[in-house]
Amino acid sequence: MNILAEGLLIFFQVYYFILLGRIIMSFVMMSSGGGMGSGGNKTVASIYRVLYGLTEPLLAPLRSVLPSVRMGMGSLDLSPIVLLILLRMLQQIIIQNIRF
């Protein structure tokens, strides 16, 4: 049981950092001229595509449930923040259940 719990904790921690990377990269992509197709740095765009592919399967269902927050001309996507919180909560639940 401890091996499974430790493996889950490691997975959640790695996924947490992947999600943080996606959040940071989305700001980098927005500030560099508006996205992957704008002829910017292809390495940055490739990294973002990988992070997007790894995180979108969990973010899309959250996005469909969460309300959209309007800010000026666009909207704020809260799904990455909610997923970060959920990952931390799952980690804490696992840690508390390991310590009998």
N, C-alpha and C. Protein backbone atom coordinates (compact mmCIF):
# COMPACT_ATOMS: atom_id res chain seq x y z
N MET A 1 0.82 -1.20 0.00
CA MET A 1 0.00 0.00 0.00
C MET A 1 0.86 1.26 0.00
N ASN A 2 1.93 1.24 0.76
CA ASN A 2 2.80 2.41 0.80
C ASN A 2 3.46 2.70 -0.54
N ILE A 3 3.79 1.64 -1.28
CA ILE A 3 4.43 1.84 -2.58
C ILE A 3 3.44 2.51 -3.54
N LEU A 4 2.19 2.05 -3.52
CA LEU A 4 1.16 2.66 -4.37
C LEU A 4 0.93 4.12 -3.98
N ALA A 5 0.84 4.38 -2.70
CA ALA A 5 0.62 5.75 -2.22
C ALA A 5 1.79 6.65 -2.58
N GLU A 6 3.01 6.15 -2.40
CA GLU A 6 4.20 6.94 -2.76
C GLU A 6 4.23 7.22 -4.26
N GLY A 7 3.86 6.22 -5.06
CA GLY A 7 3.81 6.42 -6.50
C GLY A 7 2.79 7.48 -6.89
N LEU A 8 1.63 7.44 -6.26
CA LEU A 8 0.61 8.46 -6.52
C LEU A 8 1.07 9.85 -6.11
N LEU A 9 1.74 9.93 -4.96
CA LEU A 9 2.25 11.24 -4.51
C LEU A 9 3.26 11.80 -5.50
N ILE A 10 4.14 10.94 -5.99
CA ILE A 10 5.13 11.39 -6.97
C ILE A 10 4.44 11.82 -8.26
N PHE A 11 3.47 11.02 -8.71
CA PHE A 11 2.73 11.38 -9.93
C PHE A 11 2.04 12.73 -9.77
N PHE A 12 1.33 12.92 -8.65
CA PHE A 12 0.64 14.19 -8.42
C PHE A 12 1.62 15.36 -8.38
N GLN A 13 2.78 15.16 -7.77
CA GLN A 13 3.78 16.24 -7.69
C GLN A 13 4.32 16.59 -9.07
N VAL A 14 4.63 15.57 -9.87
CA VAL A 14 5.12 15.81 -11.23
C VAL A 14 4.06 16.52 -12.06
N TYR A 15 2.81 16.04 -11.96
CA TYR A 15 1.72 16.65 -12.71
C TYR A 15 1.48 18.09 -12.26
N TYR A 16 1.66 18.35 -10.98
CA TYR A 16 1.53 19.71 -10.44
C TYR A 16 2.52 20.64 -11.14
N PHE A 17 3.77 20.19 -11.27
CA PHE A 17 4.78 21.02 -11.93
C PHE A 17 4.53 21.14 -13.43
N ILE A 18 4.02 20.09 -14.05
CA ILE A 18 3.66 20.18 -15.47
C ILE A 18 2.56 21.23 -15.66
N LEU A 19 1.57 21.22 -14.77
CA LEU A 19 0.49 22.20 -14.84
C LEU A 19 1.01 23.62 -14.59
N LEU A 20 1.89 23.79 -13.63
CA LEU A 20 2.51 25.11 -13.40
C LEU A 20 3.27 25.56 -14.65
N GLY A 21 3.96 24.61 -15.28
CA GLY A 21 4.68 24.93 -16.51
C GLY A 21 3.74 25.40 -17.60
N ARG A 22 2.60 24.75 -17.71
CA ARG A 22 1.62 25.19 -18.72
C ARG A 22 1.11 26.59 -18.43
N ILE A 23 0.84 26.88 -17.16
CA ILE A 23 0.35 28.20 -16.79
C ILE A 23 1.39 29.27 -17.15
N ILE A 24 2.64 29.01 -16.80
CA ILE A 24 3.71 29.97 -17.10
C ILE A 24 3.90 30.11 -18.60
N MET A 25 3.89 28.97 -19.30
CA MET A 25 4.09 29.02 -20.75
C MET A 25 2.94 29.73 -21.46
N SER A 26 1.72 29.64 -20.93
CA SER A 26 0.62 30.35 -21.56
C SER A 26 0.82 31.85 -21.48
N PHE A 27 1.38 32.32 -20.35
CA PHE A 27 1.69 33.74 -20.24
C PHE A 27 2.82 34.13 -21.19
N VAL A 28 3.81 33.26 -21.33
CA VAL A 28 4.92 33.51 -22.25
C VAL A 28 4.40 33.58 -23.68
N MET A 29 3.53 32.65 -24.04
CA MET A 29 2.99 32.62 -25.40
C MET A 29 2.15 33.87 -25.67
N MET A 30 1.35 34.31 -24.69
CA MET A 30 0.53 35.50 -24.89
C MET A 30 1.39 36.75 -25.01
N SER A 31 2.44 36.84 -24.21
CA SER A 31 3.26 38.04 -24.23
C SER A 31 4.20 38.10 -25.43
N SER A 32 4.43 36.94 -26.08
CA SER A 32 5.36 36.93 -27.21
C SER A 32 4.68 37.17 -28.54
N GLY A 33 3.42 37.52 -28.52
CA GLY A 33 2.81 37.87 -29.79
C GLY A 33 1.58 37.08 -30.16
N GLY A 34 0.99 36.41 -29.25
CA GLY A 34 -0.32 35.87 -29.54
C GLY A 34 -0.41 34.45 -29.99
N GLY A 35 0.48 33.60 -29.59
CA GLY A 35 0.21 32.20 -29.82
C GLY A 35 1.24 31.47 -30.63
N MET A 36 0.91 30.22 -30.91
CA MET A 36 1.85 29.32 -31.55
C MET A 36 2.01 29.59 -33.04
N GLY A 37 1.01 30.13 -33.68
CA GLY A 37 1.08 30.32 -35.11
C GLY A 37 1.65 31.65 -35.55
N SER A 38 2.18 32.43 -34.63
CA SER A 38 2.61 33.78 -34.98
C SER A 38 4.06 33.84 -35.43
N GLY A 39 4.71 32.69 -35.64
CA GLY A 39 6.09 32.70 -36.12
C GLY A 39 7.09 33.01 -35.03
N GLY A 40 6.73 32.83 -33.78
CA GLY A 40 7.63 33.07 -32.66
C GLY A 40 8.62 31.93 -32.51
N ASN A 41 9.12 31.78 -31.33
CA ASN A 41 10.09 30.75 -31.03
C ASN A 41 9.45 29.37 -31.14
N LYS A 42 9.97 28.54 -32.05
CA LYS A 42 9.38 27.22 -32.28
C LYS A 42 9.64 26.27 -31.12
N THR A 43 10.74 26.45 -30.41
CA THR A 43 11.01 25.61 -29.25
C THR A 43 9.99 25.87 -28.16
N VAL A 44 9.70 27.12 -27.90
CA VAL A 44 8.71 27.49 -26.89
C VAL A 44 7.35 26.94 -27.29
N ALA A 45 7.01 27.06 -28.56
CA ALA A 45 5.72 26.55 -29.04
C ALA A 45 5.65 25.03 -28.90
N SER A 46 6.75 24.33 -29.15
CA SER A 46 6.77 22.88 -29.01
C SER A 46 6.59 22.46 -27.56
N ILE A 47 7.28 23.15 -26.65
CA ILE A 47 7.14 22.84 -25.23
C ILE A 47 5.70 23.09 -24.79
N TYR A 48 5.13 24.18 -25.25
CA TYR A 48 3.75 24.48 -24.87
C TYR A 48 2.78 23.41 -25.39
N ARG A 49 3.00 22.94 -26.62
CA ARG A 49 2.13 21.90 -27.17
C ARG A 49 2.19 20.62 -26.34
N VAL A 50 3.38 20.26 -25.88
CA VAL A 50 3.53 19.07 -25.04
C VAL A 50 2.80 19.27 -23.71
N LEU A 51 3.02 20.42 -23.07
CA LEU A 51 2.35 20.70 -21.80
C LEU A 51 0.84 20.76 -21.97
N TYR A 52 0.41 21.33 -23.07
CA TYR A 52 -1.02 21.41 -23.37
C TYR A 52 -1.61 20.01 -23.51
N GLY A 53 -0.92 19.15 -24.25
CA GLY A 53 -1.40 17.80 -24.46
C GLY A 53 -1.47 16.98 -23.17
N LEU A 54 -0.55 17.24 -22.24
CA LEU A 54 -0.55 16.51 -20.98
C LEU A 54 -1.61 17.01 -19.99
N THR A 55 -1.96 18.28 -20.08
CA THR A 55 -2.87 18.86 -19.08
C THR A 55 -4.30 19.02 -19.56
N GLU A 56 -4.51 19.13 -20.83
CA GLU A 56 -5.86 19.40 -21.35
C GLU A 56 -6.88 18.31 -21.02
N PRO A 57 -6.49 17.02 -20.99
CA PRO A 57 -7.50 16.00 -20.65
C PRO A 57 -8.14 16.19 -19.27
N LEU A 58 -7.45 16.79 -18.33
CA LEU A 58 -8.05 17.06 -17.02
C LEU A 58 -8.65 18.46 -16.93
N LEU A 59 -8.12 19.39 -17.71
CA LEU A 59 -8.62 20.76 -17.65
C LEU A 59 -9.94 20.94 -18.41
N ALA A 60 -10.11 20.25 -19.52
CA ALA A 60 -11.33 20.42 -20.32
C ALA A 60 -12.60 20.07 -19.56
N PRO A 61 -12.65 18.94 -18.84
CA PRO A 61 -13.87 18.67 -18.07
C PRO A 61 -14.13 19.71 -16.97
N LEU A 62 -13.05 20.17 -16.33
CA LEU A 62 -13.21 21.22 -15.31
C LEU A 62 -13.76 22.50 -15.93
N ARG A 63 -13.23 22.83 -17.09
CA ARG A 63 -13.63 24.06 -17.77
C ARG A 63 -15.12 24.03 -18.13
N SER A 64 -15.61 22.85 -18.46
CA SER A 64 -17.02 22.75 -18.84
C SER A 64 -17.95 22.89 -17.62
N VAL A 65 -17.43 22.64 -16.42
CA VAL A 65 -18.23 22.73 -15.20
C VAL A 65 -18.13 24.12 -14.56
N LEU A 66 -16.96 24.73 -14.65
CA LEU A 66 -16.72 26.02 -13.99
C LEU A 66 -17.37 27.17 -14.77
N PRO A 67 -17.83 28.18 -14.05
CA PRO A 67 -18.38 29.35 -14.75
C PRO A 67 -17.26 30.18 -15.38
N SER A 68 -17.57 30.87 -16.44
CA SER A 68 -16.61 31.73 -17.11
C SER A 68 -16.56 33.08 -16.40
N VAL A 69 -15.35 33.56 -16.15
CA VAL A 69 -15.17 34.85 -15.48
C VAL A 69 -14.76 35.86 -16.54
N ARG A 70 -15.61 36.83 -16.78
CA ARG A 70 -15.34 37.88 -17.79
C ARG A 70 -14.43 38.95 -17.22
N MET A 71 -13.40 39.31 -18.00
CA MET A 71 -12.48 40.37 -17.61
C MET A 71 -12.18 41.20 -18.86
N GLY A 72 -12.77 42.35 -18.95
CA GLY A 72 -12.52 43.21 -20.10
C GLY A 72 -13.01 42.56 -21.38
N MET A 73 -12.09 42.42 -22.34
CA MET A 73 -12.43 41.86 -23.64
C MET A 73 -12.44 40.33 -23.65
N GLY A 74 -11.77 39.70 -22.68
CA GLY A 74 -11.69 38.24 -22.67
C GLY A 74 -12.26 37.66 -21.40
N SER A 75 -11.93 36.40 -21.19
CA SER A 75 -12.39 35.74 -19.97
C SER A 75 -11.20 35.05 -19.31
N LEU A 76 -11.32 34.85 -18.01
CA LEU A 76 -10.27 34.23 -17.22
C LEU A 76 -10.59 32.76 -17.03
N ASP A 77 -9.65 31.90 -17.37
CA ASP A 77 -9.82 30.46 -17.23
C ASP A 77 -9.35 30.05 -15.83
N LEU A 78 -10.27 29.65 -14.99
CA LEU A 78 -9.95 29.27 -13.62
C LEU A 78 -9.63 27.78 -13.47
N SER A 79 -9.79 27.00 -14.52
CA SER A 79 -9.60 25.56 -14.42
C SER A 79 -8.19 25.15 -13.98
N PRO A 80 -7.11 25.81 -14.44
CA PRO A 80 -5.79 25.40 -13.94
C PRO A 80 -5.62 25.63 -12.43
N ILE A 81 -6.18 26.72 -11.93
CA ILE A 81 -6.07 27.02 -10.51
C ILE A 81 -6.86 25.99 -9.70
N VAL A 82 -8.05 25.65 -10.17
CA VAL A 82 -8.87 24.65 -9.48
C VAL A 82 -8.16 23.30 -9.50
N LEU A 83 -7.55 22.94 -10.62
CA LEU A 83 -6.85 21.66 -10.70
C LEU A 83 -5.63 21.64 -9.78
N LEU A 84 -4.91 22.75 -9.69
CA LEU A 84 -3.78 22.82 -8.75
C LEU A 84 -4.26 22.57 -7.32
N ILE A 85 -5.36 23.18 -6.95
CA ILE A 85 -5.91 23.01 -5.60
C ILE A 85 -6.36 21.55 -5.40
N LEU A 86 -7.02 20.98 -6.39
CA LEU A 86 -7.47 19.58 -6.28
C LEU A 86 -6.29 18.62 -6.14
N LEU A 87 -5.21 18.87 -6.88
CA LEU A 87 -4.04 18.01 -6.78
C LEU A 87 -3.45 18.07 -5.37
N ARG A 88 -3.35 19.27 -4.81
CA ARG A 88 -2.83 19.42 -3.45
C ARG A 88 -3.74 18.74 -2.43
N MET A 89 -5.04 18.86 -2.63
CA MET A 89 -5.98 18.21 -1.71
C MET A 89 -5.84 16.68 -1.77
N LEU A 90 -5.71 16.14 -2.97
CA LEU A 90 -5.52 14.69 -3.12
C LEU A 90 -4.22 14.23 -2.46
N GLN A 91 -3.17 15.03 -2.61
CA GLN A 91 -1.91 14.70 -1.96
C GLN A 91 -2.08 14.66 -0.45
N GLN A 92 -2.77 15.64 0.09
CA GLN A 92 -2.97 15.68 1.54
C GLN A 92 -3.81 14.51 2.03
N ILE A 93 -4.82 14.14 1.27
CA ILE A 93 -5.65 12.98 1.64
C ILE A 93 -4.81 11.71 1.66
N ILE A 94 -3.96 11.53 0.67
CA ILE A 94 -3.11 10.35 0.63
C ILE A 94 -2.13 10.36 1.79
N ILE A 95 -1.51 11.50 2.06
CA ILE A 95 -0.55 11.59 3.16
C ILE A 95 -1.22 11.28 4.49
N GLN A 96 -2.41 11.80 4.71
CA GLN A 96 -3.09 11.56 5.98
C GLN A 96 -3.51 10.11 6.13
N ASN A 97 -3.82 9.44 5.03
CA ASN A 97 -4.24 8.04 5.11
C ASN A 97 -3.07 7.08 5.22
N ILE A 98 -1.88 7.51 4.84
CA ILE A 98 -0.69 6.66 5.00
C ILE A 98 -0.28 6.60 6.47
N ARG A 99 -0.41 7.70 7.17
CA ARG A 99 0.01 7.79 8.57
C ARG A 99 -1.08 7.26 9.49
N PHE A 100 -1.06 6.01 9.78
CA PHE A 100 -2.07 5.41 10.67
C PHE A 100 -1.69 5.65 12.11
